[in-house]
Protein backbone atom coordinates (compact mmCIF):
# COMPACT_ATOMS: atom_id res chain seq x y z
CA MET A 1 0.00 0.00 0.00
CA THR A 2 1.35 3.42 -0.89
CA GLY A 3 0.08 6.97 -0.93
CA SER A 4 -2.33 8.48 1.59
CA ALA A 5 -3.17 6.78 4.83
CA ASP A 6 -6.02 4.31 4.92
CA LEU A 7 -7.52 4.81 8.36
CA THR A 8 -10.39 2.43 7.84
CA GLY A 9 -9.16 -0.50 9.88
CA PRO A 10 -6.39 -2.15 11.82
CA SER A 11 -3.08 -1.81 10.03
CA ASP A 12 -1.72 -5.18 10.96
CA PRO A 13 -4.42 -7.42 12.41
CA SER A 14 -3.30 -10.69 13.92
CA ASP A 15 -5.34 -13.83 13.64
CA PRO A 16 -8.07 -13.40 16.27
CA SER A 17 -8.73 -16.08 18.81
CA ASP A 18 -11.85 -18.12 18.21
CA PRO A 19 -14.56 -16.18 20.11
CA SER A 20 -16.54 -19.38 20.57
CA ASP A 21 -13.66 -20.96 22.50
CA PRO A 22 -14.83 -21.12 26.13
CA THR A 23 -11.24 -20.78 27.32
CA VAL A 24 -10.97 -17.31 25.77
CA PRO A 25 -12.34 -14.61 28.13
CA ALA A 26 -15.25 -12.66 26.71
CA VAL A 27 -14.72 -9.01 25.83
CA ARG A 28 -16.48 -7.06 28.59
CA VAL A 29 -18.44 -4.14 27.13
CA VAL A 30 -20.18 -1.07 28.55
CA LEU A 31 -22.81 0.57 26.33
CA ALA A 32 -23.06 4.35 26.68
CA ASP A 33 -25.89 5.96 24.71
CA ASP A 34 -28.76 8.21 25.73
CA GLN A 35 -31.18 6.23 23.55
CA PRO A 36 -32.46 3.17 25.46
CA LEU A 37 -33.54 1.49 22.22
CA VAL A 38 -30.00 1.69 20.82
CA ARG A 39 -28.58 0.16 23.98
CA ALA A 40 -31.25 -2.54 24.02
CA GLY A 41 -30.60 -3.44 20.40
CA LEU A 42 -26.88 -3.73 20.91
CA ARG A 43 -27.35 -5.72 24.10
CA VAL A 44 -29.57 -8.27 22.33
CA LEU A 45 -27.08 -8.61 19.48
CA MET A 46 -24.15 -9.09 21.85
CA ALA A 47 -26.05 -11.67 23.87
CA ASP A 48 -26.12 -13.80 20.73
CA THR A 49 -22.47 -13.10 19.84
CA PRO A 50 -19.83 -15.45 21.27
CA GLY A 51 -16.97 -13.60 22.91
CA LEU A 52 -18.89 -10.44 23.85
CA GLU A 53 -20.49 -9.66 27.21
CA VAL A 54 -22.38 -6.49 28.17
CA VAL A 55 -21.44 -5.62 31.76
CA GLY A 56 -23.28 -2.32 32.06
CA GLU A 57 -25.22 0.48 30.39
CA ALA A 58 -25.06 4.26 30.77
CA GLY A 59 -27.33 7.01 29.47
CA THR A 60 -24.95 9.94 30.03
CA GLY A 61 -21.24 10.60 29.78
CA ALA A 62 -20.93 10.98 33.54
CA GLU A 63 -22.65 7.64 34.09
CA ALA A 64 -20.28 6.03 31.57
CA VAL A 65 -17.25 7.30 33.48
CA ARG A 66 -18.62 6.11 36.84
CA LEU A 67 -19.53 2.72 35.41
CA ALA A 68 -16.14 2.30 33.73
CA ARG A 69 -14.46 3.03 37.04
CA ASP A 70 -16.63 0.45 38.79
CA VAL A 71 -16.50 -2.48 36.37
CA ARG A 72 -13.29 -1.78 34.38
CA PRO A 73 -14.62 -3.02 31.01
CA ASP A 74 -12.43 -3.91 28.06
CA VAL A 75 -14.38 -1.61 25.72
CA VAL A 76 -16.83 1.24 26.16
CA VAL A 77 -19.09 1.76 23.14
CA MET A 78 -19.63 5.50 23.40
CA ASP A 79 -22.13 7.88 21.84
CA ILE A 80 -21.02 11.51 21.56
CA ARG A 81 -24.13 13.59 22.08
CA MET A 82 -25.50 12.81 25.52
CA PRO A 83 -27.04 14.98 28.26
CA GLY A 84 -24.56 16.77 30.51
CA MET A 85 -21.06 15.44 29.93
CA ASP A 86 -20.67 14.51 26.27
CA GLY A 87 -18.94 11.44 24.92
CA ILE A 88 -15.70 13.26 24.09
CA GLU A 89 -15.13 14.42 27.66
CA ALA A 90 -16.17 11.00 28.97
CA THR A 91 -13.69 9.39 26.58
CA ARG A 92 -10.92 11.72 27.76
CA LEU A 93 -11.53 10.83 31.41
CA ILE A 94 -11.83 7.09 30.82
CA THR A 95 -8.72 6.77 28.68
CA ALA A 96 -6.71 8.97 31.06
CA GLU A 97 -7.64 6.90 34.11
CA MET A 98 -7.98 3.38 32.74
CA GLU A 99 -5.16 2.24 30.51
CA SER A 100 -6.71 -1.15 29.80
CA THR A 101 -10.15 0.22 28.83
CA ARG A 102 -10.61 1.26 25.22
CA VAL A 103 -13.33 3.47 23.79
CA LEU A 104 -15.13 2.83 20.51
CA VAL A 105 -17.22 5.84 19.48
CA LEU A 106 -20.49 4.89 17.79
CA THR A 107 -22.53 7.88 16.71
CA THR A 108 -24.64 9.49 13.99
CA PHE A 109 -22.04 10.96 11.62
CA ASP A 110 -24.34 13.46 9.92
CA ASP A 111 -25.02 15.11 13.27
CA ASP A 112 -21.47 15.12 14.61
CA ASP A 113 -18.42 17.24 13.84
CA TYR A 114 -16.35 15.63 16.56
CA VAL A 115 -14.33 12.93 14.81
CA TYR A 116 -10.98 14.54 15.45
CA GLY A 117 -11.89 15.53 19.00
CA ALA A 118 -12.93 11.99 19.89
CA LEU A 119 -9.72 10.47 18.56
CA ARG A 120 -7.57 13.08 20.27
CA ALA A 121 -9.44 12.34 23.49
CA GLY A 122 -8.14 8.79 23.23
CA ALA A 123 -10.82 6.86 21.37
CA SER A 124 -9.47 3.80 19.58
CA GLY A 125 -12.17 3.82 16.94
CA PHE A 126 -14.97 5.88 15.41
CA LEU A 127 -17.96 4.22 13.77
CA VAL A 128 -21.32 5.39 12.50
CA LYS A 129 -24.64 3.87 13.47
CA ASP A 130 -25.72 3.13 9.91
CA MET A 131 -22.94 0.59 9.47
CA ALA A 132 -23.81 -3.09 9.24
CA LEU A 133 -24.39 -4.53 12.70
CA GLU A 134 -21.92 -7.33 12.03
CA ALA A 135 -19.26 -4.71 11.30
CA ILE A 136 -19.97 -2.94 14.58
CA LEU A 137 -19.71 -6.17 16.57
CA GLY A 138 -16.49 -7.06 14.77
CA ALA A 139 -15.10 -3.59 15.50
CA ILE A 140 -15.56 -4.15 19.22
CA GLN A 141 -13.36 -7.24 18.98
CA VAL A 142 -10.78 -5.35 16.90
CA VAL A 143 -10.54 -2.49 19.39
CA ALA A 144 -10.40 -4.87 22.35
CA ALA A 145 -7.43 -6.60 20.71
CA GLY A 146 -5.50 -3.34 20.68
CA ASP A 147 -6.01 -2.17 17.12
CA GLY A 148 -7.66 1.04 15.96
CA LEU A 149 -10.52 1.29 13.53
CA ILE A 150 -12.30 4.14 11.77
CA ALA A 151 -15.35 3.88 9.55
CA PRO A 152 -14.55 4.53 5.87
CA SER A 153 -17.10 7.37 5.72
CA VAL A 154 -15.32 9.12 8.58
CA THR A 155 -11.89 9.10 6.96
CA ARG A 156 -12.70 12.02 4.66
CA ARG A 157 -13.58 14.35 7.51
CA LEU A 158 -10.54 13.35 9.51
CA ILE A 159 -8.26 14.10 6.57
CA GLU A 160 -10.04 17.41 5.95
CA GLU A 161 -9.32 18.37 9.55
CA PHE A 162 -5.60 17.80 9.01
CA ALA A 163 -5.67 19.60 5.66
CA ALA A 164 -7.11 22.67 7.37
CA ARG A 165 -4.10 22.88 9.69
CA PRO A 166 -1.37 24.94 7.98
CA ASP A 167 1.43 24.11 10.41
CA PRO A 168 2.40 21.07 12.45
CA ALA A 169 1.22 21.22 16.05
CA PRO A 170 4.23 22.50 18.10
CA ARG A 171 3.44 20.20 21.04
CA ALA A 172 3.30 17.16 18.78
CA ARG A 173 6.50 18.21 17.02
CA ARG A 174 8.29 18.37 20.36
CA ALA A 175 6.95 14.93 21.21
CA ILE A 176 8.81 13.26 18.34
CA ASP A 177 12.13 14.92 19.13
CA GLY A 178 12.96 11.92 21.29
CA ILE A 179 12.49 9.25 18.64
CA THR A 180 15.27 7.83 16.47
CA ASP A 181 15.59 8.32 12.73
CA ARG A 182 14.46 4.75 12.14
CA GLU A 183 11.43 5.20 14.40
CA CYS A 184 10.61 8.36 12.47
CA GLU A 185 10.68 6.35 9.24
CA VAL A 186 8.37 3.76 10.78
CA LEU A 187 6.01 6.46 12.06
CA THR A 188 5.86 8.02 8.60
CA LEU A 189 4.92 4.72 7.00
CA ILE A 190 2.30 4.05 9.68
CA GLY A 191 0.83 7.44 8.83
CA ARG A 192 0.71 6.43 5.17
CA GLY A 193 -1.29 3.33 6.08
CA PHE A 194 1.40 0.67 5.79
CA SER A 195 1.01 -2.59 7.69
CA ASN A 196 3.91 -4.05 9.67
CA ALA A 197 4.69 -6.42 6.81
CA GLU A 198 4.68 -3.57 4.29
CA ILE A 199 6.93 -1.46 6.52
CA ALA A 200 9.36 -4.38 6.82
CA ALA A 201 9.50 -4.74 3.03
CA GLU A 202 9.92 -1.00 2.50
CA LEU A 203 12.73 -0.64 5.03
CA VAL A 204 14.28 -4.07 4.37
CA ILE A 205 14.00 -5.20 7.99
CA THR A 206 12.14 -8.03 9.68
CA VAL A 207 8.53 -7.83 10.83
CA ALA A 208 9.73 -8.55 14.37
CA THR A 209 11.98 -5.49 14.19
CA VAL A 210 9.07 -3.38 12.95
CA LYS A 211 6.93 -4.57 15.84
CA ALA A 212 9.69 -3.58 18.26
CA HIS A 213 9.87 -0.09 16.73
CA VAL A 214 6.07 0.26 16.89
CA ALA A 215 6.07 -0.79 20.55
CA ARG A 216 8.70 1.85 21.33
CA LEU A 217 6.67 4.48 19.47
CA PHE A 218 3.64 3.61 21.59
CA THR A 219 5.72 4.20 24.71
CA LYS A 220 7.65 7.28 23.60
CA LEU A 221 4.62 9.03 22.07
CA ASP A 222 2.20 7.90 24.78
CA SER A 223 -0.10 6.34 22.18
CA ARG A 224 -2.67 3.64 22.81
CA ASP A 225 -2.86 2.27 19.28
CA ARG A 226 -1.98 2.87 15.62
CA VAL A 227 -4.80 5.35 15.12
CA GLN A 228 -3.09 7.66 17.60
CA LEU A 229 0.23 7.22 15.77
CA VAL A 230 -1.43 8.14 12.48
CA ILE A 231 -2.78 11.33 14.05
CA ILE A 232 0.69 12.27 15.32
CA ALA A 233 2.24 11.58 11.91
CA TYR A 234 -0.22 14.02 10.34
CA GLU A 235 0.09 16.61 13.10
CA VAL A 236 3.86 16.89 12.84
CA GLY A 237 3.85 16.97 9.06
CA LEU A 238 5.46 13.60 8.39
CA VAL A 239 2.46 12.78 6.19
CA SER A 240 0.51 15.29 4.13
CA PRO A 241 -3.23 14.95 3.50
CA PRO A 242 -4.11 14.25 -0.13
CA ARG A 243 -5.40 17.24 -2.06
């Protein structure tokens, strides 16, 4: 893959464990949405999906934060527009306090201009409610496994946000001062949408070496997943949005 970044899915997914295997712990999910019917629909679907378990529901952002603190879920499926505290602030609090809990934003895209804000707040994925239900359920598994995922229809707005920024963010630029030249090369290719295997081929190194570089980038840049690394690569100007 070459050219602009493809932010539509995990860049290097590993073979997932069989969700029907009883020895594999279920992904524990909290549903946060102010529409009871949405929560009920997702709960019913997850009850019939091996490997997923709903451990709580919240109707506001504040409730989602309190519930996440109490039950420490693997994934919070988060709406953005909710009474009181919105989903972006709730995401920021959850990801700041609970390193092992990931947030998957699920919202109505036509009504939301918060894609970038949600990802910067620490969300590992951003999906829209008109996606196929099977895709949403699969996305929960993807995010729980540590990958990032963004709906294809959201990619355009995310790229437009970067295109509107004339200069790299100074704070982000300072953040990469501590990475090596090789790590900078890897970060650039991640921003362009390369998988680990494609990075290895491009740089003529092993996949294991790429994984080691990616792990160090996570640590040095305080990033939870590859989506966050892509954002940094755009912010500091390593990758330019297509025009």
